[in-house]
Amino acid sequence: MADIQAEYLACPIRQVVSRFGDKWSMVVLFLLNRSDTGVMRFNEIRRLMTDCSQKMLSQTLKNLEQSHLVHREVFPEVPPRVEYSLTETGKSLMPALLALIEWGKEHFNEVVTD
C-alpha cells in the first residue's frame, strides 16, 4: 500500500496539473497570454474575472508565481505598482492550454450538461 501511495504522489501528471488545473489558474494564464503587452496589473485581471474574489485571485497569482508560470514584478513607486506576466515556462504551456480551450469549445455541449 505504501508503494502505491508513493507512486501515486510522484505521478508527474498529478503533480504538474495540480499547479494550474484549479478553477481560476487557467483563466489567469489565458488572460496574461491574450494581453496585448503580455503584462497585466492585478486590477486589470480582476476586472475581467468578475466572478473571482480578490482574495482568490491573489492566492491564484501567488500559486502561479510559486510554480514558475507567472512573474510578479514590483516597481518601487508610491503607491507600488505590481505587474504580472507569463514566464518562459508559462509561455511554453500556452499551446497545450489553447488546444484544451479549442477542444472545450468543440465539445462543450457534449461535456457540459445541466
PDB file of N, CA and C in Angstrom:
ATOM      1  N   MET A   1       0.819  -1.202   0.000  1.00  0.00           N
ATOM      2  CA  MET A   1       0.000   0.000   0.000  1.00  0.00           C
ATOM      3  C   MET A   1       0.863   1.267   0.000  1.00  0.00           C
ATOM      4  N   ALA A   2       1.952   1.264   0.776  1.00  0.00           N
ATOM      5  CA  ALA A   2       2.837   2.431   0.841  1.00  0.00           C
ATOM      6  C   ALA A   2       3.504   2.682  -0.500  1.00  0.00           C
ATOM      7  N   ASP A   3       3.839   1.600  -1.245  1.00  0.00           N
ATOM      8  CA  ASP A   3       4.439   1.750  -2.568  1.00  0.00           C
ATOM      9  C   ASP A   3       3.470   2.391  -3.543  1.00  0.00           C
ATOM     10  N   ILE A   4       2.213   1.988  -3.460  1.00  0.00           N
ATOM     11  CA  ILE A   4       1.190   2.568  -4.337  1.00  0.00           C
ATOM     12  C   ILE A   4       1.035   4.052  -4.015  1.00  0.00           C
ATOM     13  N   GLN A   5       0.985   4.399  -2.741  1.00  0.00           N
ATOM     14  CA  GLN A   5       0.844   5.799  -2.334  1.00  0.00           C
ATOM     15  C   GLN A   5       2.017   6.634  -2.843  1.00  0.00           C
ATOM     16  N   ALA A   6       3.245   6.150  -2.680  1.00  0.00           N
ATOM     17  CA  ALA A   6       4.428   6.891  -3.134  1.00  0.00           C
ATOM     18  C   ALA A   6       4.410   7.069  -4.646  1.00  0.00           C
ATOM     19  N   GLU A   7       4.042   6.018  -5.364  1.00  0.00           N
ATOM     20  CA  GLU A   7       3.969   6.102  -6.825  1.00  0.00           C
ATOM     21  C   GLU A   7       2.889   7.099  -7.257  1.00  0.00           C
ATOM     22  N   TYR A   8       1.767   7.083  -6.564  1.00  0.00           N
ATOM     23  CA  TYR A   8       0.669   7.994  -6.866  1.00  0.00           C
ATOM     24  C   TYR A   8       1.095   9.448  -6.635  1.00  0.00           C
ATOM     25  N   LEU A   9       1.741   9.707  -5.516  1.00  0.00           N
ATOM     26  CA  LEU A   9       2.165  11.074  -5.198  1.00  0.00           C
ATOM     27  C   LEU A   9       3.267  11.570  -6.118  1.00  0.00           C
ATOM     28  N   ALA A  10       4.068  10.657  -6.657  1.00  0.00           N
ATOM     29  CA  ALA A  10       5.159  11.039  -7.550  1.00  0.00           C
ATOM     30  C   ALA A  10       4.719  11.151  -9.004  1.00  0.00           C
ATOM     31  N   CYS A  11       3.473  10.882  -9.287  1.00  0.00           N
ATOM     32  CA  CYS A  11       2.957  10.911 -10.662  1.00  0.00           C
ATOM     33  C   CYS A  11       3.151  12.300 -11.273  1.00  0.00           C
ATOM     34  N   PRO A  12       3.897  12.419 -12.380  1.00  0.00           N
ATOM     35  CA  PRO A  12       4.146  13.735 -12.978  1.00  0.00           C
ATOM     36  C   PRO A  12       2.860  14.453 -13.411  1.00  0.00           C
ATOM     37  N   ILE A  13       1.921  13.716 -13.956  1.00  0.00           N
ATOM     38  CA  ILE A  13       0.679  14.352 -14.404  1.00  0.00           C
ATOM     39  C   ILE A  13      -0.047  14.969 -13.214  1.00  0.00           C
ATOM     40  N   ARG A  14      -0.190  14.211 -12.155  1.00  0.00           N
ATOM     41  CA  ARG A  14      -0.886  14.701 -10.963  1.00  0.00           C
ATOM     42  C   ARG A  14      -0.177  15.922 -10.392  1.00  0.00           C
ATOM     43  N   GLN A  15       1.135  15.857 -10.277  1.00  0.00           N
ATOM     44  CA  GLN A  15       1.887  16.945  -9.664  1.00  0.00           C
ATOM     45  C   GLN A  15       1.887  18.213 -10.520  1.00  0.00           C
ATOM     46  N   VAL A  16       2.022  18.066 -11.822  1.00  0.00           N
ATOM     47  CA  VAL A  16       2.085  19.246 -12.694  1.00  0.00           C
ATOM     48  C   VAL A  16       0.706  19.879 -12.874  1.00  0.00           C
ATOM     49  N   VAL A  17      -0.285  19.075 -13.186  1.00  0.00           N
ATOM     50  CA  VAL A  17      -1.627  19.628 -13.433  1.00  0.00           C
ATOM     51  C   VAL A  17      -2.207  20.255 -12.168  1.00  0.00           C
ATOM     52  N   SER A  18      -1.834  19.751 -11.006  1.00  0.00           N
ATOM     53  CA  SER A  18      -2.343  20.333  -9.764  1.00  0.00           C
ATOM     54  C   SER A  18      -1.874  21.774  -9.582  1.00  0.00           C
ATOM     55  N   ARG A  19      -0.817  22.170 -10.288  1.00  0.00           N
ATOM     56  CA  ARG A  19      -0.288  23.530 -10.165  1.00  0.00           C
ATOM     57  C   ARG A  19      -1.124  24.564 -10.919  1.00  0.00           C
ATOM     58  N   PHE A  20      -1.860  24.130 -11.941  1.00  0.00           N
ATOM     59  CA  PHE A  20      -2.640  25.104 -12.715  1.00  0.00           C
ATOM     60  C   PHE A  20      -4.007  24.577 -13.125  1.00  0.00           C
ATOM     61  N   GLY A  21      -4.416  23.454 -12.595  1.00  0.00           N
ATOM     62  CA  GLY A  21      -5.681  22.842 -13.002  1.00  0.00           C
ATOM     63  C   GLY A  21      -6.880  23.226 -12.161  1.00  0.00           C
ATOM     64  N   ASP A  22      -6.728  24.208 -11.298  1.00  0.00           N
ATOM     65  CA  ASP A  22      -7.856  24.629 -10.460  1.00  0.00           C
ATOM     66  C   ASP A  22      -8.808  25.533 -11.239  1.00  0.00           C
ATOM     67  N   LYS A  23      -9.798  26.021 -10.564  1.00  0.00           N
ATOM     68  CA  LYS A  23     -10.870  26.795 -11.206  1.00  0.00           C
ATOM     69  C   LYS A  23     -10.385  28.090 -11.868  1.00  0.00           C
ATOM     70  N   TRP A  24      -9.372  28.751 -11.310  1.00  0.00           N
ATOM     71  CA  TRP A  24      -9.005  30.090 -11.780  1.00  0.00           C
ATOM     72  C   TRP A  24      -7.675  30.183 -12.507  1.00  0.00           C
ATOM     73  N   SER A  25      -6.759  29.290 -12.263  1.00  0.00           N
ATOM     74  CA  SER A  25      -5.400  29.426 -12.802  1.00  0.00           C
ATOM     75  C   SER A  25      -5.357  29.465 -14.322  1.00  0.00           C
ATOM     76  N   MET A  26      -6.102  28.590 -14.969  1.00  0.00           N
ATOM     77  CA  MET A  26      -6.074  28.572 -16.433  1.00  0.00           C
ATOM     78  C   MET A  26      -6.651  29.858 -17.016  1.00  0.00           C
ATOM     79  N   VAL A  27      -7.624  30.436 -16.329  1.00  0.00           N
ATOM     80  CA  VAL A  27      -8.189  31.703 -16.803  1.00  0.00           C
ATOM     81  C   VAL A  27      -7.138  32.810 -16.700  1.00  0.00           C
ATOM     82  N   VAL A  28      -6.420  32.857 -15.582  1.00  0.00           N
ATOM     83  CA  VAL A  28      -5.367  33.864 -15.405  1.00  0.00           C
ATOM     84  C   VAL A  28      -4.290  33.688 -16.467  1.00  0.00           C
ATOM     85  N   LEU A  29      -3.854  32.461 -16.679  1.00  0.00           N
ATOM     86  CA  LEU A  29      -2.827  32.196 -17.697  1.00  0.00           C
ATOM     87  C   LEU A  29      -3.306  32.630 -19.077  1.00  0.00           C
ATOM     88  N   PHE A  30      -4.553  32.307 -19.401  1.00  0.00           N
ATOM     89  CA  PHE A  30      -5.124  32.693 -20.691  1.00  0.00           C
ATOM     90  C   PHE A  30      -5.162  34.214 -20.843  1.00  0.00           C
ATOM     91  N   LEU A  31      -5.602  34.915 -19.809  1.00  0.00           N
ATOM     92  CA  LEU A  31      -5.688  36.376 -19.887  1.00  0.00           C
ATOM     93  C   LEU A  31      -4.313  37.020 -20.046  1.00  0.00           C
ATOM     94  N   LEU A  32      -3.323  36.535 -19.314  1.00  0.00           N
ATOM     95  CA  LEU A  32      -1.977  37.087 -19.457  1.00  0.00           C
ATOM     96  C   LEU A  32      -1.430  36.824 -20.855  1.00  0.00           C
ATOM     97  N   ASN A  33      -1.712  35.662 -21.392  1.00  0.00           N
ATOM     98  CA  ASN A  33      -1.257  35.331 -22.743  1.00  0.00           C
ATOM     99  C   ASN A  33      -1.945  36.205 -23.790  1.00  0.00           C
ATOM    100  N   ARG A  34      -3.210  36.497 -23.565  1.00  0.00           N
ATOM    101  CA  ARG A  34      -4.006  37.263 -24.519  1.00  0.00           C
ATOM    102  C   ARG A  34      -3.723  38.768 -24.465  1.00  0.00           C
ATOM    103  N   SER A  35      -3.114  39.229 -23.396  1.00  0.00           N
ATOM    104  CA  SER A  35      -2.836  40.654 -23.225  1.00  0.00           C
ATOM    105  C   SER A  35      -1.960  41.165 -24.363  1.00  0.00           C
ATOM    106  N   ASP A  36      -2.296  42.339 -24.884  1.00  0.00           N
ATOM    107  CA  ASP A  36      -1.520  42.934 -25.981  1.00  0.00           C
ATOM    108  C   ASP A  36      -0.053  43.152 -25.599  1.00  0.00           C
ATOM    109  N   THR A  37       0.169  43.537 -24.354  1.00  0.00           N
ATOM    110  CA  THR A  37       1.529  43.832 -23.902  1.00  0.00           C
ATOM    111  C   THR A  37       2.192  42.634 -23.228  1.00  0.00           C
ATOM    112  N   GLY A  38       1.402  41.622 -22.884  1.00  0.00           N
ATOM    113  CA  GLY A  38       1.934  40.476 -22.161  1.00  0.00           C
ATOM    114  C   GLY A  38       2.087  40.743 -20.674  1.00  0.00           C
ATOM    115  N   VAL A  39       1.648  41.917 -20.252  1.00  0.00           N
ATOM    116  CA  VAL A  39       1.764  42.337 -18.858  1.00  0.00           C
ATOM    117  C   VAL A  39       0.407  42.860 -18.406  1.00  0.00           C
ATOM    118  N   MET A  40       0.010  42.484 -17.193  1.00  0.00           N
ATOM    119  CA  MET A  40      -1.243  42.995 -16.637  1.00  0.00           C
ATOM    120  C   MET A  40      -1.057  43.305 -15.161  1.00  0.00           C
ATOM    121  N   ARG A  41      -1.806  44.284 -14.703  1.00  0.00           N
ATOM    122  CA  ARG A  41      -1.835  44.604 -13.279  1.00  0.00           C
ATOM    123  C   ARG A  41      -2.995  43.855 -12.639  1.00  0.00           C
ATOM    124  N   PHE A  42      -2.950  43.739 -11.337  1.00  0.00           N
ATOM    125  CA  PHE A  42      -3.950  42.972 -10.593  1.00  0.00           C
ATOM    126  C   PHE A  42      -5.370  43.414 -10.936  1.00  0.00           C
ATOM    127  N   ASN A  43      -5.618  44.713 -10.881  1.00  0.00           N
ATOM    128  CA  ASN A  43      -6.983  45.201 -11.114  1.00  0.00           C
ATOM    129  C   ASN A  43      -7.449  44.978 -12.552  1.00  0.00           C
ATOM    130  N   GLU A  44      -6.533  44.945 -13.497  1.00  0.00           N
ATOM    131  CA  GLU A  44      -6.910  44.622 -14.879  1.00  0.00           C
ATOM    132  C   GLU A  44      -7.430  43.189 -14.967  1.00  0.00           C
ATOM    133  N   ILE A  45      -6.703  42.292 -14.316  1.00  0.00           N
ATOM    134  CA  ILE A  45      -7.121  40.893 -14.315  1.00  0.00           C
ATOM    135  C   ILE A  45      -8.454  40.762 -13.584  1.00  0.00           C
ATOM    136  N   ARG A  46      -8.562  41.417 -12.454  1.00  0.00           N
ATOM    137  CA  ARG A  46      -9.779  41.333 -11.636  1.00  0.00           C
ATOM    138  C   ARG A  46     -11.004  41.843 -12.395  1.00  0.00           C
ATOM    139  N   ARG A  47     -10.851  42.901 -13.173  1.00  0.00           N
ATOM    140  CA  ARG A  47     -11.981  43.438 -13.948  1.00  0.00           C
ATOM    141  C   ARG A  47     -12.504  42.422 -14.956  1.00  0.00           C
ATOM    142  N   LEU A  48     -11.612  41.589 -15.469  1.00  0.00           N
ATOM    143  CA  LEU A  48     -12.010  40.583 -16.456  1.00  0.00           C
ATOM    144  C   LEU A  48     -12.528  39.304 -15.804  1.00  0.00           C
ATOM    145  N   MET A  49     -12.248  39.131 -14.520  1.00  0.00           N
ATOM    146  CA  MET A  49     -12.675  37.935 -13.793  1.00  0.00           C
ATOM    147  C   MET A  49     -13.631  38.348 -12.674  1.00  0.00           C
ATOM    148  N   THR A  50     -14.770  38.871 -13.065  1.00  0.00           N
ATOM    149  CA  THR A  50     -15.701  39.461 -12.094  1.00  0.00           C
ATOM    150  C   THR A  50     -16.255  38.455 -11.091  1.00  0.00           C
ATOM    151  N   ASP A  51     -16.254  37.170 -11.435  1.00  0.00           N
ATOM    152  CA  ASP A  51     -16.790  36.170 -10.513  1.00  0.00           C
ATOM    153  C   ASP A  51     -15.726  35.565  -9.610  1.00  0.00           C
ATOM    154  N   CYS A  52     -14.516  36.091  -9.656  1.00  0.00           N
ATOM    155  CA  CYS A  52     -13.417  35.626  -8.800  1.00  0.00           C
ATOM    156  C   CYS A  52     -13.171  36.685  -7.726  1.00  0.00           C
ATOM    157  N   SER A  53     -13.162  36.275  -6.464  1.00  0.00           N
ATOM    158  CA  SER A  53     -12.945  37.238  -5.387  1.00  0.00           C
ATOM    159  C   SER A  53     -11.507  37.755  -5.411  1.00  0.00           C
ATOM    160  N   GLN A  54     -11.312  38.895  -4.794  1.00  0.00           N
ATOM    161  CA  GLN A  54      -9.979  39.489  -4.714  1.00  0.00           C
ATOM    162  C   GLN A  54      -9.024  38.538  -3.994  1.00  0.00           C
ATOM    163  N   LYS A  55      -9.480  37.935  -2.915  1.00  0.00           N
ATOM    164  CA  LYS A  55      -8.651  37.001  -2.151  1.00  0.00           C
ATOM    165  C   LYS A  55      -8.259  35.790  -2.996  1.00  0.00           C
ATOM    166  N   MET A  56      -9.211  35.239  -3.738  1.00  0.00           N
ATOM    167  CA  MET A  56      -8.930  34.050  -4.544  1.00  0.00           C
ATOM    168  C   MET A  56      -7.987  34.386  -5.695  1.00  0.00           C
ATOM    169  N   LEU A  57      -8.168  35.547  -6.319  1.00  0.00           N
ATOM    170  CA  LEU A  57      -7.270  35.954  -7.395  1.00  0.00           C
ATOM    171  C   LEU A  57      -5.856  36.153  -6.856  1.00  0.00           C
ATOM    172  N   SER A  58      -5.742  36.780  -5.703  1.00  0.00           N
ATOM    173  CA  SER A  58      -4.434  36.984  -5.092  1.00  0.00           C
ATOM    174  C   SER A  58      -3.759  35.644  -4.806  1.00  0.00           C
ATOM    175  N   GLN A  59      -4.497  34.697  -4.265  1.00  0.00           N
ATOM    176  CA  GLN A  59      -3.941  33.370  -3.967  1.00  0.00           C
ATOM    177  C   GLN A  59      -3.553  32.637  -5.250  1.00  0.00           C
ATOM    178  N   THR A  60      -4.381  32.760  -6.275  1.00  0.00           N
ATOM    179  CA  THR A  60      -4.093  32.112  -7.555  1.00  0.00           C
ATOM    180  C   THR A  60      -2.804  32.654  -8.155  1.00  0.00           C
ATOM    181  N   LEU A  61      -2.642  33.967  -8.137  1.00  0.00           N
ATOM    182  CA  LEU A  61      -1.425  34.573  -8.668  1.00  0.00           C
ATOM    183  C   LEU A  61      -0.199  34.142  -7.867  1.00  0.00           C
ATOM    184  N   LYS A  62      -0.322  34.054  -6.551  1.00  0.00           N
ATOM    185  CA  LYS A  62       0.797  33.586  -5.719  1.00  0.00           C
ATOM    186  C   LYS A  62       1.159  32.150  -6.066  1.00  0.00           C
ATOM    187  N   ASN A  63       0.158  31.300  -6.229  1.00  0.00           N
ATOM    188  CA  ASN A  63       0.416  29.896  -6.574  1.00  0.00           C
ATOM    189  C   ASN A  63       1.091  29.775  -7.943  1.00  0.00           C
ATOM    190  N   LEU A  64       0.614  30.556  -8.903  1.00  0.00           N
ATOM    191  CA  LEU A  64       1.212  30.518 -10.244  1.00  0.00           C
ATOM    192  C   LEU A  64       2.646  31.050 -10.224  1.00  0.00           C
ATOM    193  N   GLU A  65       2.901  32.023  -9.371  1.00  0.00           N
ATOM    194  CA  GLU A  65       4.265  32.536  -9.228  1.00  0.00           C
ATOM    195  C   GLU A  65       5.162  31.469  -8.585  1.00  0.00           C
ATOM    196  N   GLN A  66       4.676  30.795  -7.555  1.00  0.00           N
ATOM    197  CA  GLN A  66       5.451  29.739  -6.892  1.00  0.00           C
ATOM    198  C   GLN A  66       5.730  28.574  -7.832  1.00  0.00           C
ATOM    199  N   SER A  67       4.828  28.359  -8.788  1.00  0.00           N
ATOM    200  CA  SER A  67       5.006  27.272  -9.765  1.00  0.00           C
ATOM    201  C   SER A  67       5.826  27.718 -10.968  1.00  0.00           C
ATOM    202  N   HIS A  68       6.322  28.938 -10.945  1.00  0.00           N
ATOM    203  CA  HIS A  68       7.189  29.492 -12.004  1.00  0.00           C
ATOM    204  C   HIS A  68       6.466  29.625 -13.346  1.00  0.00           C
ATOM    205  N   LEU A  69       5.156  29.855 -13.284  1.00  0.00           N
ATOM    206  CA  LEU A  69       4.382  30.076 -14.503  1.00  0.00           C
ATOM    207  C   LEU A  69       4.106  31.554 -14.729  1.00  0.00           C
ATOM    208  N   VAL A  70       4.100  32.331 -13.637  1.00  0.00           N
ATOM    209  CA  VAL A  70       3.825  33.767 -13.705  1.00  0.00           C
ATOM    210  C   VAL A  70       4.948  34.514 -12.986  1.00  0.00           C
ATOM    211  N   HIS A  71       5.345  35.630 -13.578  1.00  0.00           N
ATOM    212  CA  HIS A  71       6.352  36.514 -12.983  1.00  0.00           C
ATOM    213  C   HIS A  71       5.637  37.714 -12.382  1.00  0.00           C
ATOM    214  N   ARG A  72       6.001  38.065 -11.162  1.00  0.00           N
ATOM    215  CA  ARG A  72       5.440  39.233 -10.471  1.00  0.00           C
ATOM    216  C   ARG A  72       6.560  40.240 -10.308  1.00  0.00           C
ATOM    217  N   GLU A  73       6.317  41.448 -10.803  1.00  0.00           N
ATOM    218  CA  GLU A  73       7.322  42.498 -10.686  1.00  0.00           C
ATOM    219  C   GLU A  73       6.738  43.677  -9.929  1.00  0.00           C
ATOM    220  N   VAL A  74       7.434  44.068  -8.872  1.00  0.00           N
ATOM    221  CA  VAL A  74       7.019  45.200  -8.040  1.00  0.00           C
ATOM    222  C   VAL A  74       7.931  46.373  -8.362  1.00  0.00           C
ATOM    223  N   PHE A  75       7.328  47.501  -8.686  1.00  0.00           N
ATOM    224  CA  PHE A  75       8.089  48.706  -9.006  1.00  0.00           C
ATOM    225  C   PHE A  75       8.129  49.613  -7.776  1.00  0.00           C
ATOM    226  N   PRO A  76       9.296  50.141  -7.442  1.00  0.00           N
ATOM    227  CA  PRO A  76       9.437  50.973  -6.236  1.00  0.00           C
ATOM    228  C   PRO A  76       8.863  52.372  -6.452  1.00  0.00           C
ATOM    229  N   GLU A  77       7.566  52.436  -6.449  1.00  0.00           N
ATOM    230  CA  GLU A  77       6.851  53.701  -6.632  1.00  0.00           C
ATOM    231  C   GLU A  77       5.877  53.861  -5.480  1.00  0.00           C
ATOM    232  N   VAL A  78       5.337  55.044  -5.345  1.00  0.00           N
ATOM    233  CA  VAL A  78       4.298  55.290  -4.353  1.00  0.00           C
ATOM    234  C   VAL A  78       3.056  55.761  -5.089  1.00  0.00           C
ATOM    235  N   PRO A  79       1.968  55.014  -5.044  1.00  0.00           N
ATOM    236  CA  PRO A  79       1.855  53.674  -4.466  1.00  0.00           C
ATOM    237  C   PRO A  79       2.584  52.647  -5.334  1.00  0.00           C
ATOM    238  N   PRO A  80       2.944  51.497  -4.746  1.00  0.00           N
ATOM    239  CA  PRO A  80       3.681  50.482  -5.505  1.00  0.00           C
ATOM    240  C   PRO A  80       2.867  49.982  -6.691  1.00  0.00           C
ATOM    241  N   ARG A  81       3.550  49.771  -7.790  1.00  0.00           N
ATOM    242  CA  ARG A  81       2.920  49.212  -8.995  1.00  0.00           C
ATOM    243  C   ARG A  81       3.408  47.775  -9.118  1.00  0.00           C
ATOM    244  N   VAL A  82       2.468  46.861  -9.321  1.00  0.00           N
ATOM    245  CA  VAL A  82       2.800  45.448  -9.454  1.00  0.00           C
ATOM    246  C   VAL A  82       2.258  44.961 -10.795  1.00  0.00           C
ATOM    247  N   GLU A  83       3.121  44.306 -11.550  1.00  0.00           N
ATOM    248  CA  GLU A  83       2.716  43.774 -12.855  1.00  0.00           C
ATOM    249  C   GLU A  83       2.976  42.273 -12.901  1.00  0.00           C
ATOM    250  N   TYR A  84       2.088  41.588 -13.619  1.00  0.00           N
ATOM    251  CA  TYR A  84       2.185  40.145 -13.794  1.00  0.00           C
ATOM    252  C   TYR A  84       2.371  39.818 -15.263  1.00  0.00           C
ATOM    253  N   SER A  85       3.189  38.820 -15.527  1.00  0.00           N
ATOM    254  CA  SER A  85       3.408  38.355 -16.900  1.00  0.00           C
ATOM    255  C   SER A  85       3.722  36.862 -16.850  1.00  0.00           C
ATOM    256  N   LEU A  86       3.635  36.224 -17.999  1.00  0.00           N
ATOM    257  CA  LEU A  86       3.995  34.813 -18.080  1.00  0.00           C
ATOM    258  C   LEU A  86       5.504  34.661 -18.093  1.00  0.00           C
ATOM    259  N   THR A  87       5.995  33.655 -17.410  1.00  0.00           N
ATOM    260  CA  THR A  87       7.410  33.303 -17.507  1.00  0.00           C
ATOM    261  C   THR A  87       7.606  32.508 -18.799  1.00  0.00           C
ATOM    262  N   GLU A  88       8.839  32.184 -19.108  1.00  0.00           N
ATOM    263  CA  GLU A  88       9.085  31.333 -20.280  1.00  0.00           C
ATOM    264  C   GLU A  88       8.400  29.978 -20.103  1.00  0.00           C
ATOM    265  N   THR A  89       8.392  29.456 -18.882  1.00  0.00           N
ATOM    266  CA  THR A  89       7.704  28.191 -18.610  1.00  0.00           C
ATOM    267  C   THR A  89       6.210  28.353 -18.833  1.00  0.00           C
ATOM    268  N   GLY A  90       5.662  29.468 -18.370  1.00  0.00           N
ATOM    269  CA  GLY A  90       4.238  29.742 -18.580  1.00  0.00           C
ATOM    270  C   GLY A  90       3.903  29.877 -20.055  1.00  0.00           C
ATOM    271  N   LYS A  91       4.767  30.549 -20.794  1.00  0.00           N
ATOM    272  CA  LYS A  91       4.554  30.694 -22.245  1.00  0.00           C
ATOM    273  C   LYS A  91       4.604  29.336 -22.943  1.00  0.00           C
ATOM    274  N   SER A  92       5.472  28.454 -22.467  1.00  0.00           N
ATOM    275  CA  SER A  92       5.590  27.141 -23.104  1.00  0.00           C
ATOM    276  C   SER A  92       4.355  26.272 -22.847  1.00  0.00           C
ATOM    277  N   LEU A  93       3.598  26.601 -21.819  1.00  0.00           N
ATOM    278  CA  LEU A  93       2.358  25.875 -21.514  1.00  0.00           C
ATOM    279  C   LEU A  93       1.202  26.302 -22.429  1.00  0.00           C
ATOM    280  N   MET A  94       1.283  27.485 -22.995  1.00  0.00           N
ATOM    281  CA  MET A  94       0.150  28.056 -23.720  1.00  0.00           C
ATOM    282  C   MET A  94      -0.328  27.237 -24.924  1.00  0.00           C
ATOM    283  N   PRO A  95       0.531  26.658 -25.746  1.00  0.00           N
ATOM    284  CA  PRO A  95      -0.010  25.846 -26.847  1.00  0.00           C
ATOM    285  C   PRO A  95      -0.916  24.712 -26.351  1.00  0.00           C
ATOM    286  N   ALA A  96      -0.531  24.065 -25.256  1.00  0.00           N
ATOM    287  CA  ALA A  96      -1.363  22.987 -24.704  1.00  0.00           C
ATOM    288  C   ALA A  96      -2.661  23.550 -24.134  1.00  0.00           C
ATOM    289  N   LEU A  97      -2.576  24.685 -23.445  1.00  0.00           N
ATOM    290  CA  LEU A  97      -3.774  25.296 -22.870  1.00  0.00           C
ATOM    291  C   LEU A  97      -4.720  25.776 -23.968  1.00  0.00           C
ATOM    292  N   LEU A  98      -4.179  26.397 -25.002  1.00  0.00           N
ATOM    293  CA  LEU A  98      -5.021  26.861 -26.112  1.00  0.00           C
ATOM    294  C   LEU A  98      -5.661  25.688 -26.839  1.00  0.00           C
ATOM    295  N   ALA A  99      -4.946  24.579 -26.968  1.00  0.00           N
ATOM    296  CA  ALA A  99      -5.523  23.378 -27.583  1.00  0.00           C
ATOM    297  C   ALA A  99      -6.658  22.843 -26.715  1.00  0.00           C
ATOM    298  N   LEU A 100      -6.496  22.878 -25.394  1.00  0.00           N
ATOM    299  CA  LEU A 100      -7.556  22.442 -24.489  1.00  0.00           C
ATOM    300  C   LEU A 100      -8.782  23.343 -24.600  1.00  0.00           C
ATOM    301  N   ILE A 101      -8.560  24.637 -24.737  1.00  0.00           N
ATOM    302  CA  ILE A 101      -9.671  25.578 -24.906  1.00  0.00           C
ATOM    303  C   ILE A 101     -10.420  25.281 -26.200  1.00  0.00           C
ATOM    304  N   GLU A 102      -9.696  25.053 -27.279  1.00  0.00           N
ATOM    305  CA  GLU A 102     -10.346  24.718 -28.555  1.00  0.00           C
ATOM    306  C   GLU A 102     -11.134  23.418 -28.449  1.00  0.00           C
ATOM    307  N   TRP A 103     -10.563  22.431 -27.774  1.00  0.00           N
ATOM    308  CA  TRP A 103     -11.263  21.166 -27.560  1.00  0.00           C
ATOM    309  C   TRP A 103     -12.550  21.417 -26.763  1.00  0.00           C
ATOM    310  N   GLY A 104     -12.445  22.265 -25.742  1.00  0.00           N
ATOM    311  CA  GLY A 104     -13.612  22.594 -24.931  1.00  0.00           C
ATOM    312  C   GLY A 104     -14.710  23.271 -25.732  1.00  0.00           C
ATOM    313  N   LYS A 105     -14.336  24.158 -26.625  1.00  0.00           N
ATOM    314  CA  LYS A 105     -15.329  24.817 -27.482  1.00  0.00           C
ATOM    315  C   LYS A 105     -16.010  23.807 -28.393  1.00  0.00           C
ATOM    316  N   GLU A 106     -15.213  22.907 -28.940  1.00  0.00           N
ATOM    317  CA  GLU A 106     -15.737  21.918 -29.881  1.00  0.00           C
ATOM    318  C   GLU A 106     -16.665  20.910 -29.202  1.00  0.00           C
ATOM    319  N   HIS A 107     -16.383  20.564 -27.965  1.00  0.00           N
ATOM    320  CA  HIS A 107     -17.135  19.511 -27.281  1.00  0.00           C
ATOM    321  C   HIS A 107     -17.971  20.024 -26.113  1.00  0.00           C
ATOM    322  N   PHE A 108     -18.174  21.329 -26.045  1.00  0.00           N
ATOM    323  CA  PHE A 108     -18.863  21.940 -24.920  1.00  0.00           C
ATOM    324  C   PHE A 108     -20.215  21.279 -24.637  1.00  0.00           C
ATOM    325  N   ASN A 109     -21.036  21.163 -25.667  1.00  0.00           N
ATOM    326  CA  ASN A 109     -22.386  20.619 -25.467  1.00  0.00           C
ATOM    327  C   ASN A 109     -22.377  19.148 -25.069  1.00  0.00           C
ATOM    328  N   GLU A 110     -21.367  18.424 -25.435  1.00  0.00           N
ATOM    329  CA  GLU A 110     -21.261  17.015 -25.064  1.00  0.00           C
ATOM    330  C   GLU A 110     -20.824  16.853 -23.604  1.00  0.00           C
ATOM    331  N   VAL A 111     -19.976  17.747 -23.137  1.00  0.00           N
ATOM    332  CA  VAL A 111     -19.356  17.596 -21.829  1.00  0.00           C
ATOM    333  C   VAL A 111     -20.148  18.326 -20.747  1.00  0.00           C
ATOM    334  N   VAL A 112     -20.590  19.524 -21.045  1.00  0.00           N
ATOM    335  CA  VAL A 112     -21.290  20.343 -20.054  1.00  0.00           C
ATOM    336  C   VAL A 112     -22.785  20.103 -20.203  1.00  0.00           C
ATOM    337  N   THR A 113     -23.326  19.424 -19.227  1.00  0.00           N
ATOM    338  CA  THR A 113     -24.769  19.148 -19.235  1.00  0.00           C
ATOM    339  C   THR A 113     -25.376  19.645 -17.930  1.00  0.00           C
ATOM    340  N   ASP A 114     -26.629  19.991 -17.997  1.00  0.00           N
ATOM    341  CA  ASP A 114     -27.327  20.501 -16.793  1.00  0.00           C
ATOM    342  C   ASP A 114     -27.864  19.392 -15.956  1.00  0.00           C
TER     343      ASP A 114
END
